[in-house]
Amino acid sequence: LARSMVEAQQTAPMVHPSRSVKRPQTAGRQCTASGNGLHGGLAGVSATLRVICKDEEGNKRTSGGDVIFCSLSAHNSTAVEGHAIDNTDGTYNISYLPITADPHCSLTITVNGTHIQGSPFTVAITPGRTDANATEVFGRGLYDGLSGQPSQFIIHTKDMYGNRRTDGGDTFHVKVSPIQSLVPELEYFIRKYELTAEVTDLEDGTHRVEFTACHAGFYRIDVTLDRLPVGGSPYTTCVFNSSISFPTNIVFYSLTDKGSAEVPAVPSHDSVIVKGDIILINSQPYGKRRQRERLHALRMTADVTNAWRTYTLPVGLPPPPERRRCLEVDTTVIALCQNDVAKPIDEVRFVDLSNLSALSCWVRPAVEGKPPNAVAGYACAVWDGRSAVLVSGGEAADGAVVSDIFLLQLPQPHSSRTPSEWRTLVEWPSSIFDGEGACARRDHSLTLLP
């Protein structure tokens, strides 16, 4: 028996002393966490915390290798997973980037698939700093209003993730600039008209903007935050008049010049405004020299001693047409001519008024394409920035009401060598039109928004 026991001891495997004791394992329910990330943070700002791993006896682990999982979820939003860094000493640094603002977000932390102490945690995520692009601007004042009455709209601040902010402190700049008057006589004045917009911080994430436009017309509204456009800025609003409201600083005075003959009466469609001058073109012939025309200019100023200036257009073209519609494009007057009032527009003329003391004669460029078929009741407008004239609707020679819109594309610079071209609506891309489409119309007005 003694001999067999000695043989058994000689054949038994050797066990290392360090392996004779059972190695402790990490116990998830004993692990703890600390750091600001357990309490919440700002949307868009990384939050951090530290996880300390322990064994079943509550002793701190001194080595790494555990599987750490972190997830932040808010109501009706996609969960955000965190990132863990193993410090190889039983601790782990965790960071996560919150996106959705919610005072009751759920932060889940597990070690090797088991929740740590306190998991899931309830954390509060607040909105980040205001983002100009995500901020909303809304209200009727952005689109229309009445002259002399306050127009309002609201700015609702949001962060870059679309979370609505609930506190104030932002400084918005709002500029309201006149673009075009609805009253032609005030067109020159309204361009110098200044408005003041009042911005009120309501301390709940919203700002109220109020302004009062005393004159009917189109206005541009620029809303900026740190010089960046907010929402869909700039906006265009149209201020209407229930009755015509004239500015208080306009002075009315007689349109006669004591030093010369009285200015002859001319049709209103033979008048334009060029660089602050009222230009009247006398379309009536003088004696037998039917081709000669007079041009009268009056500087728009409140000076009652201001006088008319009369110029003679050089001889160059046949007599004035029976009817024409004059439009101003930069410093050039474009005349749409009807040599026979029973027939449509059959000629285009232009004259350069950049230097009234050295006038040139009327120029008659070549015109290609099909002209408008209306003989009366049509509306005209200049397409600013595109060197083009639009002619809308009217009445044809047979009495039919016209529904087409024609565009006259002018050469740049205006020259008789380069032909102008008529185009009709059907040739234009439909993407530039809004609404239900063109309809038959006559005796109307045409205004192009900038």
Protein backbone atom coordinates (compact mmCIF):
# COMPACT_ATOMS: atom_id res chain seq x y z
CA LEU A 1 0.00 0.00 0.00
CA ALA A 2 2.79 2.43 0.87
CA ARG A 3 4.52 1.58 -2.38
CA SER A 4 1.34 2.29 -4.43
CA MET A 5 0.84 5.67 -2.71
CA VAL A 6 4.36 6.75 -3.56
CA GLU A 7 3.84 5.77 -7.20
CA ALA A 8 0.57 7.78 -7.37
CA GLN A 9 2.30 10.87 -6.04
CA GLN A 10 5.07 10.51 -8.61
CA THR A 11 2.59 10.29 -11.53
CA ALA A 12 0.16 13.13 -10.43
CA PRO A 13 0.45 16.44 -12.41
CA MET A 14 2.10 19.44 -10.74
CA VAL A 15 -0.24 22.44 -9.94
CA HIS A 16 1.18 25.99 -9.89
CA PRO A 17 0.53 27.75 -6.58
CA SER A 18 -1.12 30.76 -8.33
CA ARG A 19 -3.60 28.43 -10.01
CA SER A 20 -4.60 26.65 -6.90
CA VAL A 21 -6.79 29.69 -5.93
CA LYS A 22 -9.95 30.50 -7.96
CA ARG A 23 -9.48 33.78 -9.91
CA PRO A 24 -12.17 36.42 -9.04
CA GLN A 25 -14.46 37.58 -11.89
CA THR A 26 -16.01 41.03 -12.57
CA ALA A 27 -19.53 41.27 -11.20
CA GLY A 28 -21.67 43.80 -13.13
CA ARG A 29 -24.07 44.45 -10.23
CA GLN A 30 -21.14 45.46 -8.03
CA CYS A 31 -19.67 47.96 -10.57
CA THR A 32 -20.21 51.68 -10.09
CA ALA A 33 -20.02 54.83 -12.22
CA SER A 34 -19.23 58.48 -11.55
CA GLY A 35 -18.90 61.71 -13.50
CA ASN A 36 -20.95 64.59 -14.93
CA GLY A 37 -22.28 62.36 -17.70
CA LEU A 38 -24.52 60.64 -15.13
CA HIS A 39 -26.49 63.85 -14.68
CA GLY A 40 -26.93 64.90 -18.32
CA GLY A 41 -25.54 67.63 -20.55
CA LEU A 42 -26.10 69.77 -23.63
CA ALA A 43 -27.22 68.46 -27.01
CA GLY A 44 -24.22 68.45 -29.31
CA VAL A 45 -21.67 68.47 -26.45
CA SER A 46 -19.90 65.23 -25.50
CA ALA A 47 -20.62 63.96 -21.96
CA THR A 48 -18.14 61.77 -20.04
CA LEU A 49 -18.16 59.41 -17.06
CA ARG A 50 -16.02 56.62 -15.54
CA VAL A 51 -17.01 53.02 -14.75
CA ILE A 52 -15.21 51.23 -11.88
CA CYS A 53 -15.39 47.44 -12.12
CA LYS A 54 -15.53 45.21 -9.00
CA ASP A 55 -15.76 41.52 -8.20
CA GLU A 56 -18.45 39.67 -6.22
CA GLU A 57 -16.86 40.72 -2.93
CA GLY A 58 -16.89 44.38 -3.90
CA ASN A 59 -13.14 44.55 -4.45
CA LYS A 60 -11.91 46.81 -7.22
CA ARG A 61 -10.62 44.98 -10.26
CA THR A 62 -7.05 45.69 -11.30
CA SER A 63 -7.17 44.51 -14.90
CA GLY A 64 -9.28 45.22 -17.97
CA GLY A 65 -10.84 43.12 -20.69
CA ASP A 66 -14.51 43.55 -19.74
CA VAL A 67 -17.27 44.30 -22.25
CA ILE A 68 -18.72 47.74 -21.49
CA PHE A 69 -21.92 48.95 -23.18
CA CYS A 70 -23.45 52.43 -22.89
CA SER A 71 -26.64 53.69 -24.54
CA LEU A 72 -28.63 56.95 -24.22
CA SER A 73 -32.27 56.99 -25.35
CA ALA A 74 -34.97 59.66 -25.31
CA HIS A 75 -38.72 59.52 -25.94
CA ASN A 76 -39.56 58.88 -29.63
CA SER A 77 -35.94 59.12 -30.76
CA THR A 78 -33.16 56.80 -31.85
CA ALA A 79 -30.80 55.62 -29.10
CA VAL A 80 -27.23 56.94 -29.09
CA GLU A 81 -24.44 54.52 -28.18
CA GLY A 82 -21.43 55.64 -26.18
CA HIS A 83 -17.74 54.87 -26.63
CA ALA A 84 -15.68 53.09 -23.93
CA ILE A 85 -11.92 53.24 -23.44
CA ASP A 86 -10.24 50.43 -21.38
CA ASN A 87 -7.69 51.87 -18.93
CA THR A 88 -6.45 48.26 -18.20
CA ASP A 89 -6.72 48.92 -14.43
CA GLY A 90 -10.32 47.96 -13.88
CA THR A 91 -11.69 51.36 -14.89
CA TYR A 92 -13.23 52.53 -18.17
CA ASN A 93 -13.76 56.04 -19.55
CA ILE A 94 -17.07 56.43 -21.37
CA SER A 95 -18.22 59.29 -23.61
CA TYR A 96 -21.47 59.80 -25.46
CA LEU A 97 -22.85 62.58 -27.70
CA PRO A 98 -26.47 63.52 -26.87
CA ILE A 99 -28.62 64.75 -29.77
CA THR A 100 -32.22 64.90 -28.53
CA ALA A 101 -33.09 67.31 -25.71
CA ASP A 102 -35.24 65.60 -23.07
CA PRO A 103 -35.34 66.06 -19.27
CA HIS A 104 -36.02 62.33 -18.80
CA CYS A 105 -33.47 60.51 -20.97
CA SER A 106 -32.50 56.96 -20.03
CA LEU A 107 -28.78 56.13 -19.74
CA THR A 108 -28.06 52.38 -19.72
CA ILE A 109 -24.63 51.03 -18.70
CA THR A 110 -23.83 47.30 -18.59
CA VAL A 111 -20.67 45.32 -17.83
CA ASN A 112 -20.47 41.92 -19.51
CA GLY A 113 -24.22 42.14 -20.16
CA THR A 114 -25.23 42.99 -16.57
CA HIS A 115 -26.49 46.40 -15.42
CA ILE A 116 -24.19 48.27 -13.05
CA GLN A 117 -25.46 49.84 -9.85
CA GLY A 118 -28.13 52.49 -10.62
CA SER A 119 -28.51 51.54 -14.31
CA PRO A 120 -30.55 52.69 -16.12
CA PHE A 121 -29.96 56.28 -14.97
CA THR A 122 -32.32 59.20 -15.63
CA VAL A 123 -30.41 62.14 -17.13
CA ALA A 124 -31.51 65.56 -18.38
CA ILE A 125 -30.35 66.73 -21.80
CA THR A 126 -30.93 70.42 -22.56
CA PRO A 127 -30.84 72.09 -26.01
CA GLY A 128 -27.49 73.33 -27.31
CA ARG A 129 -26.65 76.85 -28.46
CA THR A 130 -28.95 78.55 -30.96
CA ASP A 131 -28.31 77.64 -34.59
CA ALA A 132 -29.28 80.25 -37.20
CA ASN A 133 -30.10 77.74 -39.93
CA ALA A 134 -32.34 75.54 -37.73
CA THR A 135 -34.19 78.43 -36.05
CA GLU A 136 -37.78 78.96 -37.26
CA VAL A 137 -39.24 82.31 -38.33
CA PHE A 138 -42.99 82.49 -38.85
CA GLY A 139 -45.88 84.95 -38.79
CA ARG A 140 -48.08 86.95 -41.13
CA GLY A 141 -45.78 89.95 -41.01
CA LEU A 142 -43.30 88.04 -43.17
CA TYR A 143 -45.72 88.02 -46.10
CA ASP A 144 -48.24 90.89 -45.95
CA GLY A 145 -49.54 93.77 -43.88
CA LEU A 146 -51.41 97.09 -43.92
CA SER A 147 -49.75 100.47 -44.06
CA GLY A 148 -49.76 102.37 -40.78
CA GLN A 149 -50.49 99.22 -38.77
CA PRO A 150 -47.96 97.06 -36.88
CA SER A 151 -46.76 93.89 -38.59
CA GLN A 152 -45.46 91.05 -36.43
CA PHE A 153 -43.65 87.75 -36.73
CA ILE A 154 -42.01 85.32 -34.30
CA ILE A 155 -38.50 83.88 -34.10
CA HIS A 156 -38.43 80.46 -32.40
CA THR A 157 -34.86 79.49 -31.52
CA LYS A 158 -33.54 75.95 -32.05
CA ASP A 159 -30.18 74.26 -31.76
CA MET A 160 -28.40 72.52 -34.64
CA TYR A 161 -30.38 69.29 -34.03
CA GLY A 162 -33.76 71.03 -34.13
CA ASN A 163 -34.34 71.03 -30.37
CA ARG A 164 -36.45 74.01 -29.32
CA ARG A 165 -34.72 76.27 -26.83
CA THR A 166 -36.67 77.48 -23.80
CA ASP A 167 -34.50 80.37 -22.60
CA GLY A 168 -33.47 83.75 -24.00
CA GLY A 169 -30.24 85.65 -24.38
CA ASP A 170 -29.80 85.61 -28.16
CA THR A 171 -29.35 88.87 -30.07
CA PHE A 172 -31.15 88.93 -33.41
CA HIS A 173 -30.78 91.74 -35.92
CA VAL A 174 -33.77 92.52 -38.14
CA LYS A 175 -33.56 94.93 -41.06
CA VAL A 176 -36.63 95.96 -43.06
CA SER A 177 -35.78 97.61 -46.38
CA PRO A 178 -38.21 99.00 -49.00
CA ILE A 179 -37.94 97.48 -52.46
CA GLN A 180 -40.73 98.88 -54.59
CA SER A 181 -43.70 101.18 -54.03
CA LEU A 182 -47.26 100.21 -54.93
CA VAL A 183 -47.82 103.88 -55.73
CA PRO A 184 -45.73 104.81 -58.80
CA GLU A 185 -45.47 108.45 -57.73
CA LEU A 186 -43.64 107.39 -54.55
CA GLU A 187 -41.21 104.98 -56.18
CA TYR A 188 -38.21 107.28 -55.85
CA PHE A 189 -39.10 108.31 -52.28
CA ILE A 190 -39.68 104.81 -50.90
CA ARG A 191 -36.18 103.66 -51.84
CA LYS A 192 -34.83 106.09 -49.23
CA TYR A 193 -37.52 105.30 -46.66
CA GLU A 194 -36.10 103.83 -43.43
CA LEU A 195 -37.93 101.48 -41.08
CA THR A 196 -37.07 100.36 -37.56
CA ALA A 197 -37.91 96.84 -36.37
CA GLU A 198 -38.29 96.20 -32.63
CA VAL A 199 -37.11 92.79 -31.40
CA THR A 200 -38.40 91.64 -27.99
CA ASP A 201 -36.84 88.66 -26.18
CA LEU A 202 -39.69 86.79 -24.47
CA GLU A 203 -37.21 84.74 -22.39
CA ASP A 204 -38.84 81.45 -23.41
CA GLY A 205 -36.89 80.70 -26.56
CA THR A 206 -39.00 83.01 -28.71
CA HIS A 207 -38.52 86.59 -29.91
CA ARG A 208 -41.29 88.88 -31.15
CA VAL A 209 -40.50 91.25 -34.03
CA GLU A 210 -42.70 94.24 -34.80
CA PHE A 211 -42.42 96.98 -37.41
CA THR A 212 -44.77 99.51 -38.97
CA ALA A 213 -44.56 100.43 -42.66
CA CYS A 214 -46.42 103.67 -43.38
CA HIS A 215 -46.35 103.33 -47.17
CA ALA A 216 -47.66 100.59 -49.44
CA GLY A 217 -45.07 98.55 -51.26
CA PHE A 218 -42.78 95.54 -51.22
CA TYR A 219 -40.26 95.26 -48.39
CA ARG A 220 -37.31 92.95 -47.80
CA ILE A 221 -36.89 91.50 -44.28
CA ASP A 222 -33.40 90.31 -43.26
CA VAL A 223 -33.15 88.33 -40.00
CA THR A 224 -29.61 87.52 -38.87
CA LEU A 225 -27.85 85.99 -35.88
CA ASP A 226 -24.11 86.63 -35.63
CA ARG A 227 -24.28 87.88 -39.25
CA LEU A 228 -25.76 84.56 -40.42
CA PRO A 229 -29.20 84.46 -42.09
CA VAL A 230 -31.89 82.94 -39.88
CA GLY A 231 -34.43 80.43 -41.23
CA GLY A 232 -35.40 81.32 -44.81
CA SER A 233 -34.11 84.90 -44.59
CA PRO A 234 -34.40 87.16 -46.52
CA TYR A 235 -38.19 87.35 -46.78
CA THR A 236 -40.35 89.59 -49.00
CA THR A 237 -43.54 91.11 -47.62
CA CYS A 238 -46.18 93.20 -49.38
CA VAL A 239 -47.76 96.05 -47.43
CA PHE A 240 -51.15 97.13 -48.77
CA ASN A 241 -53.13 100.34 -48.39
CA SER A 242 -56.82 100.55 -47.58
CA SER A 243 -56.38 104.14 -48.73
CA ILE A 244 -53.38 105.87 -50.23
CA SER A 245 -51.02 107.18 -47.54
CA PHE A 246 -48.58 109.89 -48.59
CA PRO A 247 -45.39 110.51 -46.63
CA THR A 248 -45.53 113.54 -44.37
CA ASN A 249 -42.39 115.15 -45.79
CA ILE A 250 -43.47 115.34 -49.44
CA VAL A 251 -43.82 118.91 -50.72
CA PHE A 252 -46.31 119.56 -53.55
CA TYR A 253 -45.58 122.38 -55.95
CA SER A 254 -46.49 123.52 -59.44
CA LEU A 255 -44.90 121.72 -62.38
CA THR A 256 -44.31 124.90 -64.38
CA ASP A 257 -41.15 126.79 -65.13
CA LYS A 258 -41.42 130.59 -64.94
CA GLY A 259 -38.35 130.99 -67.09
CA SER A 260 -39.69 129.12 -70.12
CA ALA A 261 -42.89 128.06 -71.82
CA GLU A 262 -45.29 125.89 -69.90
CA VAL A 263 -44.59 122.19 -70.20
CA PRO A 264 -47.04 120.70 -72.72
CA ALA A 265 -49.47 118.04 -71.59
CA VAL A 266 -48.31 114.59 -72.62
CA PRO A 267 -49.78 111.11 -72.03
CA SER A 268 -48.62 109.52 -68.77
CA HIS A 269 -47.24 106.47 -70.59
CA ASP A 270 -44.72 108.81 -72.22
CA SER A 271 -43.17 109.59 -68.84
CA VAL A 272 -40.43 107.72 -66.98
CA ILE A 273 -38.13 108.29 -63.99
CA VAL A 274 -34.40 108.05 -64.70
CA LYS A 275 -31.86 108.63 -61.93
CA GLY A 276 -34.17 110.87 -59.91
CA ASP A 277 -35.39 112.88 -62.92
CA ILE A 278 -39.00 112.92 -64.10
CA ILE A 279 -38.73 112.60 -67.88
CA LEU A 280 -41.64 113.69 -70.12
CA ILE A 281 -41.37 112.99 -73.83
CA ASN A 282 -43.50 115.22 -76.04
CA SER A 283 -44.96 112.91 -78.64
CA GLN A 284 -46.80 115.69 -80.47
CA PRO A 285 -45.22 116.93 -83.69
CA TYR A 286 -43.96 120.49 -84.00
CA GLY A 287 -45.10 122.11 -87.22
CA LYS A 288 -44.03 120.41 -90.38
CA ARG A 289 -40.92 118.84 -88.80
CA ARG A 290 -42.79 115.84 -87.49
CA GLN A 291 -39.63 113.90 -86.67
CA ARG A 292 -38.50 116.38 -84.00
CA GLU A 293 -39.39 115.68 -80.34
CA ARG A 294 -38.90 117.51 -77.09
CA LEU A 295 -37.78 115.97 -73.79
CA HIS A 296 -38.58 117.69 -70.48
CA ALA A 297 -36.75 116.80 -67.27
CA LEU A 298 -37.47 117.77 -63.68
CA ARG A 299 -35.24 116.81 -60.75
CA MET A 300 -37.32 115.28 -57.92
CA THR A 301 -36.57 117.54 -54.97
CA ALA A 302 -38.51 119.53 -52.41
CA ASP A 303 -36.91 122.76 -53.68
CA VAL A 304 -39.82 124.89 -54.91
CA THR A 305 -37.45 126.86 -57.16
CA ASN A 306 -36.63 123.71 -59.10
CA ALA A 307 -37.25 124.23 -62.82
CA TRP A 308 -38.02 122.09 -65.82
CA ARG A 309 -35.20 121.56 -68.29
CA THR A 310 -36.10 121.13 -71.95
CA TYR A 311 -34.03 119.24 -74.51
CA THR A 312 -34.53 118.51 -78.18
CA LEU A 313 -34.02 114.97 -79.37
CA PRO A 314 -31.83 114.87 -82.49
CA VAL A 315 -33.45 114.04 -85.81
CA GLY A 316 -32.91 110.42 -86.73
CA LEU A 317 -36.10 108.41 -87.06
CA PRO A 318 -39.49 108.76 -88.77
CA PRO A 319 -42.27 110.66 -86.94
CA PRO A 320 -43.38 109.51 -83.46
CA PRO A 321 -45.79 106.55 -83.52
CA GLU A 322 -49.49 106.95 -82.86
CA ARG A 323 -49.11 105.11 -79.55
CA ARG A 324 -46.13 104.04 -77.51
CA ARG A 325 -45.41 102.73 -74.02
CA CYS A 326 -42.19 104.03 -72.49
CA LEU A 327 -40.25 102.04 -69.90
CA GLU A 328 -36.97 102.73 -68.10
CA VAL A 329 -34.18 100.14 -68.13
CA ASP A 330 -31.19 101.52 -66.20
CA THR A 331 -30.52 104.84 -67.99
CA THR A 332 -32.18 103.81 -71.24
CA VAL A 333 -35.79 104.52 -72.25
CA ILE A 334 -37.40 101.65 -74.16
CA ALA A 335 -40.44 102.59 -76.30
CA LEU A 336 -42.88 99.90 -77.47
CA CYS A 337 -44.45 101.52 -80.52
CA GLN A 338 -47.70 101.08 -82.43
CA ASN A 339 -47.56 103.06 -85.67
CA ASP A 340 -51.22 102.13 -86.14
CA VAL A 341 -53.41 101.89 -83.03
CA ALA A 342 -55.51 99.22 -84.74
CA LYS A 343 -52.44 96.98 -85.02
CA PRO A 344 -50.16 95.32 -82.40
CA ILE A 345 -46.72 96.56 -81.36
CA ASP A 346 -44.69 96.70 -84.56
CA GLU A 347 -41.57 98.58 -83.52
CA VAL A 348 -39.13 98.98 -80.63
CA ARG A 349 -37.05 102.10 -80.06
CA PHE A 350 -34.64 103.16 -77.34
CA VAL A 351 -32.71 106.25 -76.40
CA ASP A 352 -29.83 106.66 -73.94
CA LEU A 353 -30.45 109.28 -71.22
CA SER A 354 -27.23 108.82 -69.24
CA ASN A 355 -26.15 112.31 -70.35
CA LEU A 356 -29.05 114.69 -70.98
CA SER A 357 -26.77 117.45 -72.19
CA ALA A 358 -25.51 115.24 -75.02
CA LEU A 359 -28.59 113.34 -76.14
CA SER A 360 -28.46 110.84 -78.93
CA CYS A 361 -31.34 110.17 -81.29
CA TRP A 362 -33.81 107.31 -81.04
CA VAL A 363 -32.33 103.95 -82.08
CA ARG A 364 -34.48 101.34 -83.79
CA PRO A 365 -32.91 97.86 -83.35
CA ALA A 366 -33.83 94.80 -85.33
CA VAL A 367 -36.43 92.67 -83.53
CA GLU A 368 -36.86 88.95 -84.05
CA GLY A 369 -39.69 86.63 -83.00
CA LYS A 370 -43.44 87.06 -82.84
CA PRO A 371 -44.57 90.29 -81.07
CA PRO A 372 -47.60 90.54 -78.74
CA ASN A 373 -50.95 90.30 -80.51
CA ALA A 374 -52.76 92.84 -78.28
CA VAL A 375 -53.60 96.30 -79.59
CA ALA A 376 -54.86 97.81 -76.29
CA GLY A 377 -55.34 97.05 -72.59
CA TYR A 378 -52.00 95.28 -72.17
CA ALA A 379 -49.67 95.69 -69.17
CA CYS A 380 -45.91 96.24 -69.32
CA ALA A 381 -43.14 95.80 -66.77
CA VAL A 382 -39.34 95.75 -66.71
CA TRP A 383 -37.59 92.62 -65.48
CA ASP A 384 -34.82 94.19 -63.40
CA GLY A 385 -31.41 92.60 -63.73
CA ARG A 386 -32.32 90.65 -66.88
CA SER A 387 -32.54 93.51 -69.40
CA ALA A 388 -35.98 92.34 -70.47
CA VAL A 389 -39.51 93.75 -70.84
CA LEU A 390 -42.72 91.79 -70.20
CA VAL A 391 -46.02 92.45 -71.97
CA SER A 392 -49.07 90.76 -70.46
CA GLY A 393 -52.60 90.19 -71.78
CA GLY A 394 -54.65 92.90 -73.48
CA GLU A 395 -57.27 92.98 -76.24
CA ALA A 396 -56.58 91.76 -79.76
CA ALA A 397 -57.77 93.52 -82.92
CA ASP A 398 -60.76 91.18 -83.17
CA GLY A 399 -61.88 91.99 -79.61
CA ALA A 400 -60.63 88.74 -78.05
CA VAL A 401 -58.98 89.00 -74.63
CA VAL A 402 -55.35 87.79 -74.68
CA SER A 403 -53.93 85.35 -72.13
CA ASP A 404 -50.31 85.20 -73.33
CA ILE A 405 -47.29 86.82 -71.72
CA PHE A 406 -44.54 88.03 -74.05
CA LEU A 407 -40.94 88.78 -73.14
CA LEU A 408 -38.72 91.14 -75.12
CA GLN A 409 -35.09 90.22 -74.53
CA LEU A 410 -32.89 93.28 -75.01
CA PRO A 411 -29.22 93.10 -75.98
CA GLN A 412 -26.52 94.08 -73.50
CA PRO A 413 -25.35 96.73 -73.93
CA HIS A 414 -28.31 98.23 -75.81
CA SER A 415 -27.24 98.40 -79.43
CA SER A 416 -28.89 98.56 -82.82
CA ARG A 417 -26.42 96.01 -84.14
CA THR A 418 -27.60 93.20 -81.91
CA PRO A 419 -31.24 92.21 -82.51
CA SER A 420 -33.80 92.06 -79.71
CA GLU A 421 -36.06 89.01 -79.52
CA TRP A 422 -39.71 88.43 -78.60
CA ARG A 423 -40.55 85.23 -76.73
CA THR A 424 -43.90 83.87 -75.61
CA LEU A 425 -44.84 82.17 -72.36
CA VAL A 426 -44.86 78.67 -73.83
CA GLU A 427 -41.15 78.93 -74.59
CA TRP A 428 -40.25 79.54 -70.96
CA PRO A 429 -39.56 76.78 -68.41
CA SER A 430 -42.68 76.18 -66.33
CA SER A 431 -40.58 76.06 -63.13
CA ILE A 432 -40.41 79.87 -62.96
CA PHE A 433 -44.18 80.24 -62.59
CA ASP A 434 -46.28 79.69 -59.47
CA GLY A 435 -50.05 79.43 -59.15
CA GLU A 436 -52.72 78.06 -61.44
CA GLY A 437 -51.31 79.58 -64.61
CA ALA A 438 -52.06 82.53 -66.85
CA CYS A 439 -55.60 83.55 -67.71
CA ALA A 440 -57.19 85.98 -70.15
CA ARG A 441 -57.02 89.58 -68.88
CA ARG A 442 -57.03 93.21 -70.02
CA ASP A 443 -56.66 96.66 -68.42
CA HIS A 444 -54.55 95.31 -65.58
CA SER A 445 -51.16 95.94 -63.97
CA LEU A 446 -48.03 93.78 -63.91
CA THR A 447 -45.49 93.84 -61.08
CA LEU A 448 -42.38 91.68 -60.79
CA LEU A 449 -41.12 90.78 -57.32
CA PRO A 450 -37.34 91.14 -56.96
